[in-house]
Amino acid sequence: DFHRGISKFHGPDFINICADVYEPIEE
């Protein structure tokens, strides 16, 4: 991922790995 989001498991000091994102077909 180009965007280093905050890990939901380990907090703001870690990268969010494998974010599960809804990607609607129309978009």
mmCIF file of all heavy atoms, coordinates in Angstrom:
data_MODEL
# 
_entry.id   MODEL 
# 
loop_
_atom_site.group_PDB 
_atom_site.id 
_atom_site.type_symbol 
_atom_site.label_atom_id 
_atom_site.label_alt_id 
_atom_site.label_comp_id 
_atom_site.label_asym_id 
_atom_site.label_entity_id 
_atom_site.label_seq_id 
_atom_site.pdbx_PDB_ins_code 
_atom_site.Cartn_x 
_atom_site.Cartn_y 
_atom_site.Cartn_z 
_atom_site.occupancy 
_atom_site.B_iso_or_equiv 
_atom_site.pdbx_formal_charge 
_atom_site.auth_seq_id 
_atom_site.auth_comp_id 
_atom_site.auth_asym_id 
_atom_site.auth_atom_id 
_atom_site.pdbx_PDB_model_num 
ATOM 1   N N   . ASP A 1 1  ? 0.826   -1.206 0.000   1.00 0.00 ? 1  ASP A N   1 
ATOM 2   C CA  . ASP A 1 1  ? 0.000   0.000  0.000   1.00 0.00 ? 1  ASP A CA  1 
ATOM 3   C C   . ASP A 1 1  ? 0.861   1.257  0.000   1.00 0.00 ? 1  ASP A C   1 
ATOM 4   O O   . ASP A 1 1  ? 1.773   1.396  0.822   1.00 0.00 ? 1  ASP A O   1 
ATOM 5   C CB  . ASP A 1 1  ? -0.897  -0.023 1.241   1.00 0.00 ? 1  ASP A CB  1 
ATOM 6   C CG  . ASP A 1 1  ? -1.933  1.080  1.254   1.00 0.00 ? 1  ASP A CG  1 
ATOM 7   O OD1 . ASP A 1 1  ? -1.934  1.904  0.339   1.00 0.00 ? 1  ASP A OD1 1 
ATOM 8   O OD2 . ASP A 1 1  ? -2.735  1.104  2.204   1.00 0.00 ? 1  ASP A OD2 1 
ATOM 9   N N   . PHE A 1 2  ? 0.570   2.185  -0.930  1.00 0.00 ? 2  PHE A N   1 
ATOM 10  C CA  . PHE A 1 2  ? 1.294   3.447  -0.976  1.00 0.00 ? 2  PHE A CA  1 
ATOM 11  C C   . PHE A 1 2  ? 0.990   4.313  0.240   1.00 0.00 ? 2  PHE A C   1 
ATOM 12  O O   . PHE A 1 2  ? 1.793   5.145  0.639   1.00 0.00 ? 2  PHE A O   1 
ATOM 13  C CB  . PHE A 1 2  ? 0.927   4.219  -2.248  1.00 0.00 ? 2  PHE A CB  1 
ATOM 14  C CG  . PHE A 1 2  ? -0.511  4.688  -2.279  1.00 0.00 ? 2  PHE A CG  1 
ATOM 15  C CD1 . PHE A 1 2  ? -0.875  5.895  -1.711  1.00 0.00 ? 2  PHE A CD1 1 
ATOM 16  C CD2 . PHE A 1 2  ? -1.494  3.911  -2.873  1.00 0.00 ? 2  PHE A CD2 1 
ATOM 17  C CE1 . PHE A 1 2  ? -2.198  6.315  -1.734  1.00 0.00 ? 2  PHE A CE1 1 
ATOM 18  C CE2 . PHE A 1 2  ? -2.809  4.328  -2.905  1.00 0.00 ? 2  PHE A CE2 1 
ATOM 19  C CZ  . PHE A 1 2  ? -3.164  5.539  -2.331  1.00 0.00 ? 2  PHE A CZ  1 
ATOM 20  N N   . HIS A 1 3  ? -0.186  4.128  0.833   1.00 0.00 ? 3  HIS A N   1 
ATOM 21  C CA  . HIS A 1 3  ? -0.599  4.968  1.962   1.00 0.00 ? 3  HIS A CA  1 
ATOM 22  C C   . HIS A 1 3  ? -0.338  4.225  3.271   1.00 0.00 ? 3  HIS A C   1 
ATOM 23  O O   . HIS A 1 3  ? -0.944  3.190  3.546   1.00 0.00 ? 3  HIS A O   1 
ATOM 24  C CB  . HIS A 1 3  ? -2.094  5.298  1.860   1.00 0.00 ? 3  HIS A CB  1 
ATOM 25  C CG  . HIS A 1 3  ? -2.607  6.097  3.017   1.00 0.00 ? 3  HIS A CG  1 
ATOM 26  N ND1 . HIS A 1 3  ? -2.140  7.363  3.303   1.00 0.00 ? 3  HIS A ND1 1 
ATOM 27  C CD2 . HIS A 1 3  ? -3.532  5.809  3.965   1.00 0.00 ? 3  HIS A CD2 1 
ATOM 28  C CE1 . HIS A 1 3  ? -2.767  7.818  4.380   1.00 0.00 ? 3  HIS A CE1 1 
ATOM 29  N NE2 . HIS A 1 3  ? -3.603  6.899  4.800   1.00 0.00 ? 3  HIS A NE2 1 
ATOM 30  N N   . ARG A 1 4  ? 0.560   4.740  4.057   1.00 0.00 ? 4  ARG A N   1 
ATOM 31  C CA  . ARG A 1 4  ? 0.925   4.096  5.315   1.00 0.00 ? 4  ARG A CA  1 
ATOM 32  C C   . ARG A 1 4  ? -0.075  4.468  6.409   1.00 0.00 ? 4  ARG A C   1 
ATOM 33  O O   . ARG A 1 4  ? 0.162   5.380  7.206   1.00 0.00 ? 4  ARG A O   1 
ATOM 34  C CB  . ARG A 1 4  ? 2.327   4.501  5.733   1.00 0.00 ? 4  ARG A CB  1 
ATOM 35  C CG  . ARG A 1 4  ? 3.424   3.971  4.811   1.00 0.00 ? 4  ARG A CG  1 
ATOM 36  C CD  . ARG A 1 4  ? 4.774   4.267  5.406   1.00 0.00 ? 4  ARG A CD  1 
ATOM 37  N NE  . ARG A 1 4  ? 5.857   3.719  4.617   1.00 0.00 ? 4  ARG A NE  1 
ATOM 38  C CZ  . ARG A 1 4  ? 7.128   3.704  5.010   1.00 0.00 ? 4  ARG A CZ  1 
ATOM 39  N NH1 . ARG A 1 4  ? 7.440   4.238  6.195   1.00 0.00 ? 4  ARG A NH1 1 
ATOM 40  N NH2 . ARG A 1 4  ? 8.071   3.201  4.249   1.00 0.00 ? 4  ARG A NH2 1 
ATOM 41  N N   . GLY A 1 5  ? -1.189  3.785  6.407   1.00 0.00 ? 5  GLY A N   1 
ATOM 42  C CA  . GLY A 1 5  ? -2.190  4.031  7.428   1.00 0.00 ? 5  GLY A CA  1 
ATOM 43  C C   . GLY A 1 5  ? -1.742  3.515  8.788   1.00 0.00 ? 5  GLY A C   1 
ATOM 44  O O   . GLY A 1 5  ? -0.726  2.837  8.923   1.00 0.00 ? 5  GLY A O   1 
ATOM 45  N N   . ILE A 1 6  ? -2.514  3.828  9.806   1.00 0.00 ? 6  ILE A N   1 
ATOM 46  C CA  . ILE A 1 6  ? -2.203  3.411  11.179  1.00 0.00 ? 6  ILE A CA  1 
ATOM 47  C C   . ILE A 1 6  ? -2.713  1.993  11.423  1.00 0.00 ? 6  ILE A C   1 
ATOM 48  O O   . ILE A 1 6  ? -3.864  1.678  11.117  1.00 0.00 ? 6  ILE A O   1 
ATOM 49  C CB  . ILE A 1 6  ? -2.837  4.379  12.189  1.00 0.00 ? 6  ILE A CB  1 
ATOM 50  C CG1 . ILE A 1 6  ? -2.236  5.774  12.035  1.00 0.00 ? 6  ILE A CG1 1 
ATOM 51  C CG2 . ILE A 1 6  ? -2.643  3.875  13.621  1.00 0.00 ? 6  ILE A CG2 1 
ATOM 52  C CD1 . ILE A 1 6  ? -2.909  6.816  12.893  1.00 0.00 ? 6  ILE A CD1 1 
ATOM 53  N N   . SER A 1 7  ? -1.875  1.150  11.975  1.00 0.00 ? 7  SER A N   1 
ATOM 54  C CA  . SER A 1 7  ? -2.252  -0.231 12.259  1.00 0.00 ? 7  SER A CA  1 
ATOM 55  C C   . SER A 1 7  ? -3.383  -0.291 13.286  1.00 0.00 ? 7  SER A C   1 
ATOM 56  O O   . SER A 1 7  ? -3.280  0.295  14.366  1.00 0.00 ? 7  SER A O   1 
ATOM 57  C CB  . SER A 1 7  ? -1.043  -1.012 12.786  1.00 0.00 ? 7  SER A CB  1 
ATOM 58  O OG  . SER A 1 7  ? -1.432  -2.296 13.226  1.00 0.00 ? 7  SER A OG  1 
ATOM 59  N N   . LYS A 1 8  ? -4.440  -1.008 12.929  1.00 0.00 ? 8  LYS A N   1 
ATOM 60  C CA  . LYS A 1 8  ? -5.550  -1.147 13.871  1.00 0.00 ? 8  LYS A CA  1 
ATOM 61  C C   . LYS A 1 8  ? -5.232  -2.157 14.968  1.00 0.00 ? 8  LYS A C   1 
ATOM 62  O O   . LYS A 1 8  ? -5.934  -2.237 15.971  1.00 0.00 ? 8  LYS A O   1 
ATOM 63  C CB  . LYS A 1 8  ? -6.825  -1.559 13.138  1.00 0.00 ? 8  LYS A CB  1 
ATOM 64  C CG  . LYS A 1 8  ? -6.770  -2.929 12.487  1.00 0.00 ? 8  LYS A CG  1 
ATOM 65  C CD  . LYS A 1 8  ? -8.081  -3.236 11.804  1.00 0.00 ? 8  LYS A CD  1 
ATOM 66  C CE  . LYS A 1 8  ? -8.077  -4.620 11.160  1.00 0.00 ? 8  LYS A CE  1 
ATOM 67  N NZ  . LYS A 1 8  ? -9.363  -4.924 10.484  1.00 0.00 ? 8  LYS A NZ  1 
ATOM 68  N N   . PHE A 1 9  ? -4.152  -2.918 14.769  1.00 0.00 ? 9  PHE A N   1 
ATOM 69  C CA  . PHE A 1 9  ? -3.764  -3.921 15.764  1.00 0.00 ? 9  PHE A CA  1 
ATOM 70  C C   . PHE A 1 9  ? -2.680  -3.413 16.709  1.00 0.00 ? 9  PHE A C   1 
ATOM 71  O O   . PHE A 1 9  ? -2.639  -3.794 17.877  1.00 0.00 ? 9  PHE A O   1 
ATOM 72  C CB  . PHE A 1 9  ? -3.258  -5.189 15.074  1.00 0.00 ? 9  PHE A CB  1 
ATOM 73  C CG  . PHE A 1 9  ? -4.270  -5.868 14.202  1.00 0.00 ? 9  PHE A CG  1 
ATOM 74  C CD1 . PHE A 1 9  ? -4.160  -5.812 12.822  1.00 0.00 ? 9  PHE A CD1 1 
ATOM 75  C CD2 . PHE A 1 9  ? -5.352  -6.536 14.752  1.00 0.00 ? 9  PHE A CD2 1 
ATOM 76  C CE1 . PHE A 1 9  ? -5.092  -6.432 12.007  1.00 0.00 ? 9  PHE A CE1 1 
ATOM 77  C CE2 . PHE A 1 9  ? -6.297  -7.160 13.947  1.00 0.00 ? 9  PHE A CE2 1 
ATOM 78  C CZ  . PHE A 1 9  ? -6.162  -7.100 12.572  1.00 0.00 ? 9  PHE A CZ  1 
ATOM 79  N N   . HIS A 1 10 ? -1.789  -2.551 16.203  1.00 0.00 ? 10 HIS A N   1 
ATOM 80  C CA  . HIS A 1 10 ? -0.610  -2.184 16.986  1.00 0.00 ? 10 HIS A CA  1 
ATOM 81  C C   . HIS A 1 10 ? -0.455  -0.681 17.226  1.00 0.00 ? 10 HIS A C   1 
ATOM 82  O O   . HIS A 1 10 ? 0.530   -0.252 17.826  1.00 0.00 ? 10 HIS A O   1 
ATOM 83  C CB  . HIS A 1 10 ? 0.644   -2.723 16.302  1.00 0.00 ? 10 HIS A CB  1 
ATOM 84  C CG  . HIS A 1 10 ? 0.566   -4.189 15.993  1.00 0.00 ? 10 HIS A CG  1 
ATOM 85  N ND1 . HIS A 1 10 ? 0.508   -5.145 16.979  1.00 0.00 ? 10 HIS A ND1 1 
ATOM 86  C CD2 . HIS A 1 10 ? 0.492   -4.857 14.809  1.00 0.00 ? 10 HIS A CD2 1 
ATOM 87  C CE1 . HIS A 1 10 ? 0.429   -6.349 16.421  1.00 0.00 ? 10 HIS A CE1 1 
ATOM 88  N NE2 . HIS A 1 10 ? 0.403   -6.201 15.113  1.00 0.00 ? 10 HIS A NE2 1 
ATOM 89  N N   . GLY A 1 11 ? -1.381  0.127  16.733  1.00 0.00 ? 11 GLY A N   1 
ATOM 90  C CA  . GLY A 1 11 ? -1.348  1.551  17.049  1.00 0.00 ? 11 GLY A CA  1 
ATOM 91  C C   . GLY A 1 11 ? -0.599  2.416  16.046  1.00 0.00 ? 11 GLY A C   1 
ATOM 92  O O   . GLY A 1 11 ? -0.120  1.936  15.015  1.00 0.00 ? 11 GLY A O   1 
ATOM 93  N N   . PRO A 1 12 ? -0.474  3.713  16.357  1.00 0.00 ? 12 PRO A N   1 
ATOM 94  C CA  . PRO A 1 12 ? 0.060   4.701  15.414  1.00 0.00 ? 12 PRO A CA  1 
ATOM 95  C C   . PRO A 1 12 ? 1.545   4.567  15.079  1.00 0.00 ? 12 PRO A C   1 
ATOM 96  O O   . PRO A 1 12 ? 2.011   5.186  14.134  1.00 0.00 ? 12 PRO A O   1 
ATOM 97  C CB  . PRO A 1 12 ? -0.202  6.035  16.139  1.00 0.00 ? 12 PRO A CB  1 
ATOM 98  C CG  . PRO A 1 12 ? -0.253  5.679  17.584  1.00 0.00 ? 12 PRO A CG  1 
ATOM 99  C CD  . PRO A 1 12 ? -0.884  4.323  17.634  1.00 0.00 ? 12 PRO A CD  1 
ATOM 100 N N   . ASP A 1 13 ? 2.270   3.772  15.839  1.00 0.00 ? 13 ASP A N   1 
ATOM 101 C CA  . ASP A 1 13 ? 3.701   3.612  15.566  1.00 0.00 ? 13 ASP A CA  1 
ATOM 102 C C   . ASP A 1 13 ? 3.985   2.535  14.523  1.00 0.00 ? 13 ASP A C   1 
ATOM 103 O O   . ASP A 1 13 ? 5.147   2.282  14.189  1.00 0.00 ? 13 ASP A O   1 
ATOM 104 C CB  . ASP A 1 13 ? 4.452   3.266  16.855  1.00 0.00 ? 13 ASP A CB  1 
ATOM 105 C CG  . ASP A 1 13 ? 4.427   4.415  17.849  1.00 0.00 ? 13 ASP A CG  1 
ATOM 106 O OD1 . ASP A 1 13 ? 4.316   5.574  17.405  1.00 0.00 ? 13 ASP A OD1 1 
ATOM 107 O OD2 . ASP A 1 13 ? 4.492   4.151  19.062  1.00 0.00 ? 13 ASP A OD2 1 
ATOM 108 N N   . PHE A 1 14 ? 2.912   1.929  13.983  1.00 0.00 ? 14 PHE A N   1 
ATOM 109 C CA  . PHE A 1 14 ? 3.094   0.840  13.031  1.00 0.00 ? 14 PHE A CA  1 
ATOM 110 C C   . PHE A 1 14 ? 2.201   1.013  11.806  1.00 0.00 ? 14 PHE A C   1 
ATOM 111 O O   . PHE A 1 14 ? 1.138   1.629  11.872  1.00 0.00 ? 14 PHE A O   1 
ATOM 112 C CB  . PHE A 1 14 ? 2.806   -0.510 13.706  1.00 0.00 ? 14 PHE A CB  1 
ATOM 113 C CG  . PHE A 1 14 ? 3.731   -0.809 14.853  1.00 0.00 ? 14 PHE A CG  1 
ATOM 114 C CD1 . PHE A 1 14 ? 3.398   -0.446 16.145  1.00 0.00 ? 14 PHE A CD1 1 
ATOM 115 C CD2 . PHE A 1 14 ? 4.952   -1.424 14.629  1.00 0.00 ? 14 PHE A CD2 1 
ATOM 116 C CE1 . PHE A 1 14 ? 4.259   -0.693 17.199  1.00 0.00 ? 14 PHE A CE1 1 
ATOM 117 C CE2 . PHE A 1 14 ? 5.822   -1.684 15.681  1.00 0.00 ? 14 PHE A CE2 1 
ATOM 118 C CZ  . PHE A 1 14 ? 5.468   -1.321 16.970  1.00 0.00 ? 14 PHE A CZ  1 
ATOM 119 N N   . ILE A 1 15 ? 2.651   0.457  10.680  1.00 0.00 ? 15 ILE A N   1 
ATOM 120 C CA  . ILE A 1 15 ? 1.948   0.559  9.402   1.00 0.00 ? 15 ILE A CA  1 
ATOM 121 C C   . ILE A 1 15 ? 0.743   -0.371 9.384   1.00 0.00 ? 15 ILE A C   1 
ATOM 122 O O   . ILE A 1 15 ? 0.802   -1.493 9.881   1.00 0.00 ? 15 ILE A O   1 
ATOM 123 C CB  . ILE A 1 15 ? 2.897   0.185  8.246   1.00 0.00 ? 15 ILE A CB  1 
ATOM 124 C CG1 . ILE A 1 15 ? 4.056   1.185  8.157   1.00 0.00 ? 15 ILE A CG1 1 
ATOM 125 C CG2 . ILE A 1 15 ? 2.146   0.124  6.913   1.00 0.00 ? 15 ILE A CG2 1 
ATOM 126 C CD1 . ILE A 1 15 ? 5.134   0.784  7.170   1.00 0.00 ? 15 ILE A CD1 1 
ATOM 127 N N   . ASN A 1 16 ? -0.337  0.101  8.804   1.00 0.00 ? 16 ASN A N   1 
ATOM 128 C CA  . ASN A 1 16 ? -1.525  -0.736 8.632   1.00 0.00 ? 16 ASN A CA  1 
ATOM 129 C C   . ASN A 1 16 ? -1.292  -1.692 7.469   1.00 0.00 ? 16 ASN A C   1 
ATOM 130 O O   . ASN A 1 16 ? -1.200  -1.275 6.310   1.00 0.00 ? 16 ASN A O   1 
ATOM 131 C CB  . ASN A 1 16 ? -2.748  0.143  8.358   1.00 0.00 ? 16 ASN A CB  1 
ATOM 132 C CG  . ASN A 1 16 ? -4.038  -0.653 8.406   1.00 0.00 ? 16 ASN A CG  1 
ATOM 133 O OD1 . ASN A 1 16 ? -4.098  -1.728 9.006   1.00 0.00 ? 16 ASN A OD1 1 
ATOM 134 N ND2 . ASN A 1 16 ? -5.073  -0.130 7.777   1.00 0.00 ? 16 ASN A ND2 1 
ATOM 135 N N   . ILE A 1 17 ? -1.165  -2.965 7.770   1.00 0.00 ? 17 ILE A N   1 
ATOM 136 C CA  . ILE A 1 17 ? -0.874  -3.979 6.756   1.00 0.00 ? 17 ILE A CA  1 
ATOM 137 C C   . ILE A 1 17 ? -2.158  -4.683 6.336   1.00 0.00 ? 17 ILE A C   1 
ATOM 138 O O   . ILE A 1 17 ? -2.954  -5.105 7.158   1.00 0.00 ? 17 ILE A O   1 
ATOM 139 C CB  . ILE A 1 17 ? 0.134   -5.015 7.300   1.00 0.00 ? 17 ILE A CB  1 
ATOM 140 C CG1 . ILE A 1 17 ? 1.455   -4.306 7.636   1.00 0.00 ? 17 ILE A CG1 1 
ATOM 141 C CG2 . ILE A 1 17 ? 0.376   -6.133 6.299   1.00 0.00 ? 17 ILE A CG2 1 
ATOM 142 C CD1 . ILE A 1 17 ? 2.474   -5.197 8.292   1.00 0.00 ? 17 ILE A CD1 1 
ATOM 143 N N   . CYS A 1 18 ? -2.350  -4.794 5.022   1.00 0.00 ? 18 CYS A N   1 
ATOM 144 C CA  . CYS A 1 18 ? -3.508  -5.497 4.462   1.00 0.00 ? 18 CYS A CA  1 
ATOM 145 C C   . CYS A 1 18 ? -4.843  -4.901 4.912   1.00 0.00 ? 18 CYS A C   1 
ATOM 146 O O   . CYS A 1 18 ? -5.729  -5.625 5.385   1.00 0.00 ? 18 CYS A O   1 
ATOM 147 C CB  . CYS A 1 18 ? -3.459  -6.985 4.799   1.00 0.00 ? 18 CYS A CB  1 
ATOM 148 S SG  . CYS A 1 18 ? -2.198  -7.886 3.894   1.00 0.00 ? 18 CYS A SG  1 
ATOM 149 N N   . ALA A 1 19 ? -4.993  -3.605 4.770   1.00 0.00 ? 19 ALA A N   1 
ATOM 150 C CA  . ALA A 1 19 ? -6.282  -2.976 5.059   1.00 0.00 ? 19 ALA A CA  1 
ATOM 151 C C   . ALA A 1 19 ? -7.346  -3.608 4.168   1.00 0.00 ? 19 ALA A C   1 
ATOM 152 O O   . ALA A 1 19 ? -7.151  -3.779 2.961   1.00 0.00 ? 19 ALA A O   1 
ATOM 153 C CB  . ALA A 1 19 ? -6.203  -1.477 4.798   1.00 0.00 ? 19 ALA A CB  1 
ATOM 154 N N   . ASP A 1 20 ? -8.475  -3.987 4.768   1.00 0.00 ? 20 ASP A N   1 
ATOM 155 C CA  . ASP A 1 20 ? -9.579  -4.623 4.043   1.00 0.00 ? 20 ASP A CA  1 
ATOM 156 C C   . ASP A 1 20 ? -10.567 -3.520 3.651   1.00 0.00 ? 20 ASP A C   1 
ATOM 157 O O   . ASP A 1 20 ? -11.304 -3.014 4.491   1.00 0.00 ? 20 ASP A O   1 
ATOM 158 C CB  . ASP A 1 20 ? -10.241 -5.670 4.946   1.00 0.00 ? 20 ASP A CB  1 
ATOM 159 C CG  . ASP A 1 20 ? -11.213 -6.556 4.189   1.00 0.00 ? 20 ASP A CG  1 
ATOM 160 O OD1 . ASP A 1 20 ? -11.527 -6.244 3.031   1.00 0.00 ? 20 ASP A OD1 1 
ATOM 161 O OD2 . ASP A 1 20 ? -11.679 -7.556 4.772   1.00 0.00 ? 20 ASP A OD2 1 
ATOM 162 N N   . VAL A 1 21 ? -10.593 -3.151 2.353   1.00 0.00 ? 21 VAL A N   1 
ATOM 163 C CA  . VAL A 1 21 ? -11.327 -1.967 1.914   1.00 0.00 ? 21 VAL A CA  1 
ATOM 164 C C   . VAL A 1 21 ? -12.439 -2.338 0.919   1.00 0.00 ? 21 VAL A C   1 
ATOM 165 O O   . VAL A 1 21 ? -12.218 -3.127 -0.006  1.00 0.00 ? 21 VAL A O   1 
ATOM 166 C CB  . VAL A 1 21 ? -10.372 -0.949 1.257   1.00 0.00 ? 21 VAL A CB  1 
ATOM 167 C CG1 . VAL A 1 21 ? -11.139 0.299  0.812   1.00 0.00 ? 21 VAL A CG1 1 
ATOM 168 C CG2 . VAL A 1 21 ? -9.254  -0.574 2.220   1.00 0.00 ? 21 VAL A CG2 1 
ATOM 169 N N   . TYR A 1 22 ? -13.601 -1.761 1.129   1.00 0.00 ? 22 TYR A N   1 
ATOM 170 C CA  . TYR A 1 22 ? -14.728 -1.934 0.201   1.00 0.00 ? 22 TYR A CA  1 
ATOM 171 C C   . TYR A 1 22 ? -14.452 -1.139 -1.068  1.00 0.00 ? 22 TYR A C   1 
ATOM 172 O O   . TYR A 1 22 ? -14.198 0.063  -1.025  1.00 0.00 ? 22 TYR A O   1 
ATOM 173 C CB  . TYR A 1 22 ? -16.020 -1.460 0.854   1.00 0.00 ? 22 TYR A CB  1 
ATOM 174 C CG  . TYR A 1 22 ? -17.222 -1.443 -0.068  1.00 0.00 ? 22 TYR A CG  1 
ATOM 175 C CD1 . TYR A 1 22 ? -17.646 -2.599 -0.717  1.00 0.00 ? 22 TYR A CD1 1 
ATOM 176 C CD2 . TYR A 1 22 ? -17.931 -0.265 -0.285  1.00 0.00 ? 22 TYR A CD2 1 
ATOM 177 C CE1 . TYR A 1 22 ? -18.756 -2.587 -1.561  1.00 0.00 ? 22 TYR A CE1 1 
ATOM 178 C CE2 . TYR A 1 22 ? -19.043 -0.233 -1.118  1.00 0.00 ? 22 TYR A CE2 1 
ATOM 179 C CZ  . TYR A 1 22 ? -19.439 -1.409 -1.764  1.00 0.00 ? 22 TYR A CZ  1 
ATOM 180 O OH  . TYR A 1 22 ? -20.526 -1.382 -2.595  1.00 0.00 ? 22 TYR A OH  1 
ATOM 181 N N   . GLU A 1 23 ? -14.488 -1.809 -2.223  1.00 0.00 ? 23 GLU A N   1 
ATOM 182 C CA  . GLU A 1 23 ? -14.190 -1.184 -3.507  1.00 0.00 ? 23 GLU A CA  1 
ATOM 183 C C   . GLU A 1 23 ? -15.370 -1.411 -4.462  1.00 0.00 ? 23 GLU A C   1 
ATOM 184 O O   . GLU A 1 23 ? -15.388 -2.382 -5.229  1.00 0.00 ? 23 GLU A O   1 
ATOM 185 C CB  . GLU A 1 23 ? -12.914 -1.791 -4.113  1.00 0.00 ? 23 GLU A CB  1 
ATOM 186 C CG  . GLU A 1 23 ? -11.708 -1.838 -3.187  1.00 0.00 ? 23 GLU A CG  1 
ATOM 187 C CD  . GLU A 1 23 ? -11.038 -0.488 -3.005  1.00 0.00 ? 23 GLU A CD  1 
ATOM 188 O OE1 . GLU A 1 23 ? -11.591 0.518  -3.470  1.00 0.00 ? 23 GLU A OE1 1 
ATOM 189 O OE2 . GLU A 1 23 ? -9.961  -0.442 -2.396  1.00 0.00 ? 23 GLU A OE2 1 
ATOM 190 N N   . PRO A 1 24 ? -16.397 -0.554 -4.438  1.00 0.00 ? 24 PRO A N   1 
ATOM 191 C CA  . PRO A 1 24 ? -17.575 -0.756 -5.283  1.00 0.00 ? 24 PRO A CA  1 
ATOM 192 C C   . PRO A 1 24 ? -17.236 -0.755 -6.774  1.00 0.00 ? 24 PRO A C   1 
ATOM 193 O O   . PRO A 1 24 ? -16.372 0.012  -7.221  1.00 0.00 ? 24 PRO A O   1 
ATOM 194 C CB  . PRO A 1 24 ? -18.470 0.437  -4.924  1.00 0.00 ? 24 PRO A CB  1 
ATOM 195 C CG  . PRO A 1 24 ? -17.545 1.457  -4.344  1.00 0.00 ? 24 PRO A CG  1 
ATOM 196 C CD  . PRO A 1 24 ? -16.462 0.690  -3.662  1.00 0.00 ? 24 PRO A CD  1 
ATOM 197 N N   . ILE A 1 25 ? -17.907 -1.605 -7.529  1.00 0.00 ? 25 ILE A N   1 
ATOM 198 C CA  . ILE A 1 25 ? -17.621 -1.766 -8.949  1.00 0.00 ? 25 ILE A CA  1 
ATOM 199 C C   . ILE A 1 25 ? -17.785 -0.465 -9.716  1.00 0.00 ? 25 ILE A C   1 
ATOM 200 O O   . ILE A 1 25 ? -16.993 -0.138 -10.604 1.00 0.00 ? 25 ILE A O   1 
ATOM 201 C CB  . ILE A 1 25 ? -18.522 -2.866 -9.559  1.00 0.00 ? 25 ILE A CB  1 
ATOM 202 C CG1 . ILE A 1 25 ? -18.133 -4.232 -8.998  1.00 0.00 ? 25 ILE A CG1 1 
ATOM 203 C CG2 . ILE A 1 25 ? -18.399 -2.886 -11.086 1.00 0.00 ? 25 ILE A CG2 1 
ATOM 204 C CD1 . ILE A 1 25 ? -18.973 -5.381 -9.520  1.00 0.00 ? 25 ILE A CD1 1 
ATOM 205 N N   . GLU A 1 26 ? -18.837 0.297  -9.391  1.00 0.00 ? 26 GLU A N   1 
ATOM 206 C CA  . GLU A 1 26 ? -19.104 1.526  -10.145 1.00 0.00 ? 26 GLU A CA  1 
ATOM 207 C C   . GLU A 1 26 ? -17.967 2.544  -10.022 1.00 0.00 ? 26 GLU A C   1 
ATOM 208 O O   . GLU A 1 26 ? -17.815 3.416  -10.882 1.00 0.00 ? 26 GLU A O   1 
ATOM 209 C CB  . GLU A 1 26 ? -20.422 2.171  -9.690  1.00 0.00 ? 26 GLU A CB  1 
ATOM 210 C CG  . GLU A 1 26 ? -20.505 2.541  -8.229  1.00 0.00 ? 26 GLU A CG  1 
ATOM 211 C CD  . GLU A 1 26 ? -21.038 1.422  -7.346  1.00 0.00 ? 26 GLU A CD  1 
ATOM 212 O OE1 . GLU A 1 26 ? -21.016 0.256  -7.788  1.00 0.00 ? 26 GLU A OE1 1 
ATOM 213 O OE2 . GLU A 1 26 ? -21.486 1.726  -6.224  1.00 0.00 ? 26 GLU A OE2 1 
ATOM 214 N N   . GLU A 1 27 ? -17.151 2.442  -8.991  1.00 0.00 ? 27 GLU A N   1 
ATOM 215 C CA  . GLU A 1 27 ? -16.028 3.359  -8.813  1.00 0.00 ? 27 GLU A CA  1 
ATOM 216 C C   . GLU A 1 27 ? -14.694 2.751  -9.247  1.00 0.00 ? 27 GLU A C   1 
ATOM 217 O O   . GLU A 1 27 ? -13.704 3.476  -9.394  1.00 0.00 ? 27 GLU A O   1 
ATOM 218 C CB  . GLU A 1 27 ? -15.931 3.789  -7.349  1.00 0.00 ? 27 GLU A CB  1 
ATOM 219 C CG  . GLU A 1 27 ? -17.130 4.588  -6.855  1.00 0.00 ? 27 GLU A CG  1 
ATOM 220 C CD  . GLU A 1 27 ? -17.013 4.949  -5.383  1.00 0.00 ? 27 GLU A CD  1 
ATOM 221 O OE1 . GLU A 1 27 ? -15.893 4.845  -4.833  1.00 0.00 ? 27 GLU A OE1 1 
ATOM 222 O OE2 . GLU A 1 27 ? -18.042 5.317  -4.781  1.00 0.00 ? 27 GLU A OE2 1 
# 
